[in-house]
C-alpha cells in the first residue's frame, strides 16, 4: 500500500513538472564556450553582453524594475526577450566570502545585440551597460540558492581556484536560470567569477 502511494506521488510530481515545463518553455541562455574543467569548476568564455541592471537591489525590487523594463517600460514601449541567467552581484570580501546586501541584479539582453539596439529604460534606476567578453570560472548547484548555499558555493569556488593557482579578476556573482515556480531540485544556480590568464 505504502509503495503504491509513493509511486503515485512520484508520478504526480513528474507529471506536474512536465506540465510546468511545457506550459512555460525555458528562455534562451547566454551562449558560451567551455574552455576547460578542474574538479567541480568549469571554465567558460563568454562573448560581450548587454545588461539591464538595477544597483542596490533588495528583495523583489530589482526584479520588479527589470521585469517592468523588459515588458514595455522603455522608450519604444516594446517587449524584450528574457535571456537566462539573471545575474546578481554582491560586495564580497575576498578573504571571507560572505555575501552582503546592496549588490546589483541584471537581466541579460538577447544574444548578439549591441547597446545601440537595446531600448533606453524609462525608469532611471535601470541602467544599460555592455560587459566585454571574458573568461569565468563557475561552480553549479541546485536548490533555492539560500544565502547559506551561496556562501558555501562561493567558498568552494574560491578555494578551488586558489588550489589550482588561478587568480580571480573581480568579485563573485550568482547566476540563476529558472523562473520562481521551478521546484528546488530542478533549479540551476551558478556562482562565478572572472579569472585572469
C-alpha atoms as a PDB file:
ATOM      1  CA  UNK A   1       0.000   0.000   0.000  1.00  0.00           C
ATOM      2  CA  UNK A   2       2.744   2.447   1.009  1.00  0.00           C
ATOM      3  CA  UNK A   3       4.748   1.677  -2.140  1.00  0.00           C
ATOM      4  CA  UNK A   4       1.772   2.357  -4.383  1.00  0.00           C
ATOM      5  CA  UNK A   5       1.126   5.702  -2.643  1.00  0.00           C
ATOM      6  CA  UNK A   6       4.801   6.673  -3.069  1.00  0.00           C
ATOM      7  CA  UNK A   7       4.749   5.583  -6.717  1.00  0.00           C
ATOM      8  CA  UNK A   8       1.557   7.547  -7.363  1.00  0.00           C
ATOM      9  CA  UNK A   9       3.024  10.609  -5.624  1.00  0.00           C
ATOM     10  CA  UNK A  10       6.229  10.385  -7.664  1.00  0.00           C
ATOM     11  CA  UNK A  11       4.241  10.019 -10.903  1.00  0.00           C
ATOM     12  CA  UNK A  12       2.061  13.015  -9.974  1.00  0.00           C
ATOM     13  CA  UNK A  13       5.172  15.114  -9.292  1.00  0.00           C
ATOM     14  CA  UNK A  14       6.759  14.102 -12.596  1.00  0.00           C
ATOM     15  CA  UNK A  15       3.568  14.949 -14.497  1.00  0.00           C
ATOM     16  CA  UNK A  16       3.292  18.303 -12.709  1.00  0.00           C
ATOM     17  CA  UNK A  17       6.893  19.217 -13.542  1.00  0.00           C
ATOM     18  CA  UNK A  18       6.407  18.151 -17.175  1.00  0.00           C
ATOM     19  CA  UNK A  19       3.243  20.273 -17.356  1.00  0.00           C
ATOM     20  CA  UNK A  20       5.019  23.328 -15.941  1.00  0.00           C
ATOM     21  CA  UNK A  21       7.946  22.906 -18.315  1.00  0.00           C
ATOM     22  CA  UNK A  22       5.605  22.603 -21.307  1.00  0.00           C
ATOM     23  CA  UNK A  23       3.414  25.489 -20.216  1.00  0.00           C
ATOM     24  CA  UNK A  24       6.364  27.783 -19.528  1.00  0.00           C
ATOM     25  CA  UNK A  25       9.115  26.931 -22.015  1.00  0.00           C
ATOM     26  CA  UNK A  26      12.648  27.750 -20.999  1.00  0.00           C
ATOM     27  CA  UNK A  27      14.172  31.034 -22.018  1.00  0.00           C
ATOM     28  CA  UNK A  28      17.238  31.423 -24.178  1.00  0.00           C
ATOM     29  CA  UNK A  29      20.536  31.262 -22.338  1.00  0.00           C
ATOM     30  CA  UNK A  30      23.761  33.181 -22.846  1.00  0.00           C
ATOM     31  CA  UNK A  31      25.990  31.401 -25.379  1.00  0.00           C
ATOM     32  CA  UNK A  32      29.417  30.391 -24.091  1.00  0.00           C
ATOM     33  CA  UNK A  33      32.307  28.071 -24.897  1.00  0.00           C
ATOM     34  CA  UNK A  34      33.663  25.673 -22.280  1.00  0.00           C
ATOM     35  CA  UNK A  35      37.441  26.189 -22.202  1.00  0.00           C
ATOM     36  CA  UNK A  36      38.345  23.671 -19.504  1.00  0.00           C
ATOM     37  CA  UNK A  37      37.489  21.994 -16.234  1.00  0.00           C
ATOM     38  CA  UNK A  38      39.276  21.495 -12.923  1.00  0.00           C
ATOM     39  CA  UNK A  39      37.395  19.276 -10.476  1.00  0.00           C
ATOM     40  CA  UNK A  40      33.959  20.847  -9.965  1.00  0.00           C
ATOM     41  CA  UNK A  41      34.973  24.146 -11.575  1.00  0.00           C
ATOM     42  CA  UNK A  42      34.085  24.769 -15.219  1.00  0.00           C
ATOM     43  CA  UNK A  43      35.873  27.479 -17.201  1.00  0.00           C
ATOM     44  CA  UNK A  44      33.880  29.330 -19.848  1.00  0.00           C
ATOM     45  CA  UNK A  45      34.495  32.039 -22.428  1.00  0.00           C
ATOM     46  CA  UNK A  46      31.569  34.450 -22.806  1.00  0.00           C
ATOM     47  CA  UNK A  47      31.018  36.965 -25.623  1.00  0.00           C
ATOM     48  CA  UNK A  48      30.325  40.648 -24.894  1.00  0.00           C
ATOM     49  CA  UNK A  49      26.947  41.042 -23.165  1.00  0.00           C
ATOM     50  CA  UNK A  50      24.490  43.899 -22.832  1.00  0.00           C
ATOM     51  CA  UNK A  51      22.924  44.039 -19.360  1.00  0.00           C
ATOM     52  CA  UNK A  52      19.966  45.879 -17.884  1.00  0.00           C
ATOM     53  CA  UNK A  53      20.948  46.453 -14.248  1.00  0.00           C
ATOM     54  CA  UNK A  54      19.442  47.760 -11.025  1.00  0.00           C
ATOM     55  CA  UNK A  55      22.036  48.652  -8.383  1.00  0.00           C
ATOM     56  CA  UNK A  56      21.456  48.299  -4.660  1.00  0.00           C
ATOM     57  CA  UNK A  57      18.608  45.900  -5.364  1.00  0.00           C
ATOM     58  CA  UNK A  58      16.999  44.369  -2.321  1.00  0.00           C
ATOM     59  CA  UNK A  59      14.212  41.815  -2.164  1.00  0.00           C
ATOM     60  CA  UNK A  60      11.980  41.799  -5.223  1.00  0.00           C
ATOM     61  CA  UNK A  61      12.545  45.482  -6.030  1.00  0.00           C
ATOM     62  CA  UNK A  62      15.342  44.873  -8.544  1.00  0.00           C
ATOM     63  CA  UNK A  63      13.476  42.042 -10.227  1.00  0.00           C
ATOM     64  CA  UNK A  64      10.265  44.058 -10.486  1.00  0.00           C
ATOM     65  CA  UNK A  65      12.042  47.058 -12.040  1.00  0.00           C
ATOM     66  CA  UNK A  66      13.851  44.880 -14.569  1.00  0.00           C
ATOM     67  CA  UNK A  67      10.727  42.892 -15.402  1.00  0.00           C
ATOM     68  CA  UNK A  68       8.831  46.148 -15.992  1.00  0.00           C
ATOM     69  CA  UNK A  69      11.662  47.275 -18.283  1.00  0.00           C
ATOM     70  CA  UNK A  70      11.593  44.152 -20.485  1.00  0.00           C
ATOM     71  CA  UNK A  71       7.786  44.130 -20.637  1.00  0.00           C
ATOM     72  CA  UNK A  72       7.482  47.658 -22.008  1.00  0.00           C
ATOM     73  CA  UNK A  73       8.711  50.291 -19.526  1.00  0.00           C
ATOM     74  CA  UNK A  74      11.201  51.522 -22.118  1.00  0.00           C
ATOM     75  CA  UNK A  75      11.202  54.342 -24.678  1.00  0.00           C
ATOM     76  CA  UNK A  76       9.552  52.471 -27.585  1.00  0.00           C
ATOM     77  CA  UNK A  77       7.276  50.556 -25.110  1.00  0.00           C
ATOM     78  CA  UNK A  78       8.300  47.214 -26.610  1.00  0.00           C
ATOM     79  CA  UNK A  79       8.846  43.798 -25.049  1.00  0.00           C
ATOM     80  CA  UNK A  80      12.367  42.404 -24.871  1.00  0.00           C
ATOM     81  CA  UNK A  81      13.039  38.664 -24.784  1.00  0.00           C
ATOM     82  CA  UNK A  82      14.266  37.322 -21.471  1.00  0.00           C
ATOM     83  CA  UNK A  83      17.665  35.627 -21.561  1.00  0.00           C
ATOM     84  CA  UNK A  84      18.869  33.404 -18.731  1.00  0.00           C
ATOM     85  CA  UNK A  85      20.508  33.690 -16.311  1.00  0.00           C
ATOM     86  CA  UNK A  86      19.555  36.542 -14.003  1.00  0.00           C
ATOM     87  CA  UNK A  87      22.896  37.798 -12.664  1.00  0.00           C
ATOM     88  CA  UNK A  88      23.268  39.004  -9.094  1.00  0.00           C
ATOM     89  CA  UNK A  89      26.494  40.609  -7.953  1.00  0.00           C
ATOM     90  CA  UNK A  90      27.327  41.335  -4.362  1.00  0.00           C
ATOM     91  CA  UNK A  91      30.034  43.053  -2.371  1.00  0.00           C
ATOM     92  CA  UNK A  92      32.234  40.227  -1.154  1.00  0.00           C
ATOM     93  CA  UNK A  93      35.414  40.368   0.902  1.00  0.00           C
ATOM     94  CA  UNK A  94      37.859  38.060  -0.861  1.00  0.00           C
ATOM     95  CA  UNK A  95      39.311  36.768   2.402  1.00  0.00           C
ATOM     96  CA  UNK A  96      35.926  35.973   3.919  1.00  0.00           C
ATOM     97  CA  UNK A  97      33.408  35.340   1.148  1.00  0.00           C
ATOM     98  CA  UNK A  98      30.197  36.292   2.928  1.00  0.00           C
ATOM     99  CA  UNK A  99      27.689  37.880   0.594  1.00  0.00           C
ATOM    100  CA  UNK A 100      26.253  41.161   1.786  1.00  0.00           C
ATOM    101  CA  UNK A 101      23.227  43.173   0.762  1.00  0.00           C
ATOM    102  CA  UNK A 102      23.378  46.137  -1.531  1.00  0.00           C
ATOM    103  CA  UNK A 103      24.525  44.362  -4.679  1.00  0.00           C
ATOM    104  CA  UNK A 104      23.029  44.545  -8.141  1.00  0.00           C
ATOM    105  CA  UNK A 105      20.665  42.478 -10.254  1.00  0.00           C
ATOM    106  CA  UNK A 106      20.967  42.247 -14.037  1.00  0.00           C
ATOM    107  CA  UNK A 107      18.906  40.824 -16.872  1.00  0.00           C
ATOM    108  CA  UNK A 108      20.910  39.790 -19.928  1.00  0.00           C
ATOM    109  CA  UNK A 109      19.659  41.276 -23.173  1.00  0.00           C
ATOM    110  CA  UNK A 110      19.181  38.983 -26.212  1.00  0.00           C
ATOM    111  CA  UNK A 111      22.376  37.435 -27.571  1.00  0.00           C
ATOM    112  CA  UNK A 112      24.065  39.215 -30.429  1.00  0.00           C
ATOM    113  CA  UNK A 113      22.544  42.617 -29.623  1.00  0.00           C
ATOM    114  CA  UNK A 114      24.727  45.679 -29.140  1.00  0.00           C
ATOM    115  CA  UNK A 115      23.942  48.620 -26.849  1.00  0.00           C
ATOM    116  CA  UNK A 116      22.509  50.766 -29.661  1.00  0.00           C
ATOM    117  CA  UNK A 117      19.930  48.057 -30.424  1.00  0.00           C
ATOM    118  CA  UNK A 118      18.601  47.973 -26.858  1.00  0.00           C
ATOM    119  CA  UNK A 119      15.807  50.406 -25.859  1.00  0.00           C
ATOM    120  CA  UNK A 120      16.516  53.015 -23.205  1.00  0.00           C
ATOM    121  CA  UNK A 121      14.670  52.481 -19.909  1.00  0.00           C
ATOM    122  CA  UNK A 122      12.023  54.952 -18.737  1.00  0.00           C
ATOM    123  CA  UNK A 123      12.983  54.374 -15.083  1.00  0.00           C
ATOM    124  CA  UNK A 124      16.399  55.878 -14.272  1.00  0.00           C
ATOM    125  CA  UNK A 125      17.045  53.142 -11.692  1.00  0.00           C
ATOM    126  CA  UNK A 126      17.565  50.750 -14.627  1.00  0.00           C
ATOM    127  CA  UNK A 127      20.880  51.216 -16.455  1.00  0.00           C
ATOM    128  CA  UNK A 128      22.071  49.593 -19.665  1.00  0.00           C
ATOM    129  CA  UNK A 129      25.739  48.590 -19.873  1.00  0.00           C
ATOM    130  CA  UNK A 130      27.981  46.433 -22.029  1.00  0.00           C
ATOM    131  CA  UNK A 131      30.273  43.862 -20.435  1.00  0.00           C
ATOM    132  CA  UNK A 132      33.247  42.880 -22.631  1.00  0.00           C
ATOM    133  CA  UNK A 133      33.903  39.246 -23.480  1.00  0.00           C
ATOM    134  CA  UNK A 134      35.606  37.422 -20.632  1.00  0.00           C
ATOM    135  CA  UNK A 135      36.532  34.044 -19.182  1.00  0.00           C
ATOM    136  CA  UNK A 136      34.842  32.994 -15.980  1.00  0.00           C
ATOM    137  CA  UNK A 137      35.100  30.088 -13.557  1.00  0.00           C
ATOM    138  CA  UNK A 138      31.806  28.523 -12.478  1.00  0.00           C
ATOM    139  CA  UNK A 139      30.514  26.127  -9.832  1.00  0.00           C
ATOM    140  CA  UNK A 140      26.982  24.817 -10.415  1.00  0.00           C
ATOM    141  CA  UNK A 141      24.450  23.845  -7.730  1.00  0.00           C
ATOM    142  CA  UNK A 142      20.719  23.204  -7.395  1.00  0.00           C
ATOM    143  CA  UNK A 143      18.109  24.344  -4.879  1.00  0.00           C
ATOM    144  CA  UNK A 144      16.654  27.710  -3.939  1.00  0.00           C
ATOM    145  CA  UNK A 145      20.074  29.386  -3.526  1.00  0.00           C
ATOM    146  CA  UNK A 146      19.716  30.449   0.086  1.00  0.00           C
ATOM    147  CA  UNK A 147      22.339  32.789   1.495  1.00  0.00           C
ATOM    148  CA  UNK A 148      23.952  29.832   3.254  1.00  0.00           C
ATOM    149  CA  UNK A 149      24.144  27.893  -0.035  1.00  0.00           C
ATOM    150  CA  UNK A 150      25.582  30.883  -1.909  1.00  0.00           C
ATOM    151  CA  UNK A 151      28.227  31.443   0.779  1.00  0.00           C
ATOM    152  CA  UNK A 152      29.225  27.758   0.736  1.00  0.00           C
ATOM    153  CA  UNK A 153      29.440  27.593  -3.062  1.00  0.00           C
ATOM    154  CA  UNK A 154      31.405  30.862  -3.213  1.00  0.00           C
ATOM    155  CA  UNK A 155      33.914  29.480  -0.703  1.00  0.00           C
ATOM    156  CA  UNK A 156      34.171  26.255  -2.713  1.00  0.00           C
ATOM    157  CA  UNK A 157      34.818  28.194  -5.935  1.00  0.00           C
ATOM    158  CA  UNK A 158      37.460  30.492  -4.426  1.00  0.00           C
ATOM    159  CA  UNK A 159      39.229  27.630  -2.632  1.00  0.00           C
ATOM    160  CA  UNK A 160      39.251  25.565  -5.832  1.00  0.00           C
ATOM    161  CA  UNK A 161      40.778  28.436  -7.784  1.00  0.00           C
ATOM    162  CA  UNK A 162      43.401  29.049  -5.074  1.00  0.00           C
ATOM    163  CA  UNK A 163      44.334  25.353  -5.089  1.00  0.00           C
ATOM    164  CA  UNK A 164      44.705  25.489  -8.895  1.00  0.00           C
ATOM    165  CA  UNK A 165      46.814  28.699  -8.699  1.00  0.00           C
ATOM    166  CA  UNK A 166      44.246  30.612 -10.764  1.00  0.00           C
ATOM    167  CA  UNK A 167      43.805  34.286  -9.922  1.00  0.00           C
ATOM    168  CA  UNK A 168      40.299  35.793  -9.816  1.00  0.00           C
ATOM    169  CA  UNK A 169      39.836  39.115 -11.624  1.00  0.00           C
ATOM    170  CA  UNK A 170      36.842  40.589  -9.857  1.00  0.00           C
ATOM    171  CA  UNK A 171      34.074  39.754  -7.444  1.00  0.00           C
ATOM    172  CA  UNK A 172      31.993  36.549  -7.389  1.00  0.00           C
ATOM    173  CA  UNK A 173      28.452  36.745  -8.705  1.00  0.00           C
ATOM    174  CA  UNK A 174      25.400  34.498  -8.725  1.00  0.00           C
ATOM    175  CA  UNK A 175      23.594  33.342 -11.861  1.00  0.00           C
ATOM    176  CA  UNK A 176      20.035  31.974 -11.574  1.00  0.00           C
ATOM    177  CA  UNK A 177      18.454  30.248 -14.555  1.00  0.00           C
ATOM    178  CA  UNK A 178      14.908  29.323 -13.555  1.00  0.00           C
ATOM    179  CA  UNK A 179      11.571  31.046 -13.044  1.00  0.00           C
ATOM    180  CA  UNK A 180      10.261  31.287  -9.465  1.00  0.00           C
ATOM    181  CA  UNK A 181       7.802  28.398  -9.819  1.00  0.00           C
ATOM    182  CA  UNK A 182      10.542  25.848 -10.635  1.00  0.00           C
ATOM    183  CA  UNK A 183      10.871  23.201  -7.880  1.00  0.00           C
ATOM    184  CA  UNK A 184      14.133  23.478  -5.940  1.00  0.00           C
ATOM    185  CA  UNK A 185      15.582  20.166  -7.112  1.00  0.00           C
ATOM    186  CA  UNK A 186      15.215  21.295 -10.748  1.00  0.00           C
ATOM    187  CA  UNK A 187      16.760  24.726 -10.257  1.00  0.00           C
ATOM    188  CA  UNK A 188      20.081  25.613 -11.838  1.00  0.00           C
ATOM    189  CA  UNK A 189      22.257  28.109  -9.994  1.00  0.00           C
ATOM    190  CA  UNK A 190      25.890  29.007 -10.514  1.00  0.00           C
ATOM    191  CA  UNK A 191      28.444  31.001  -8.563  1.00  0.00           C
ATOM    192  CA  UNK A 192      31.008  32.510 -10.930  1.00  0.00           C
ATOM    193  CA  UNK A 193      33.970  34.841 -11.060  1.00  0.00           C
ATOM    194  CA  UNK A 194      36.075  36.306 -13.853  1.00  0.00           C
ATOM    195  CA  UNK A 195      39.590  34.884 -13.997  1.00  0.00           C
ATOM    196  CA  UNK A 196      42.977  36.157 -15.188  1.00  0.00           C
ATOM    197  CA  UNK A 197      45.318  34.362 -17.552  1.00  0.00           C
END
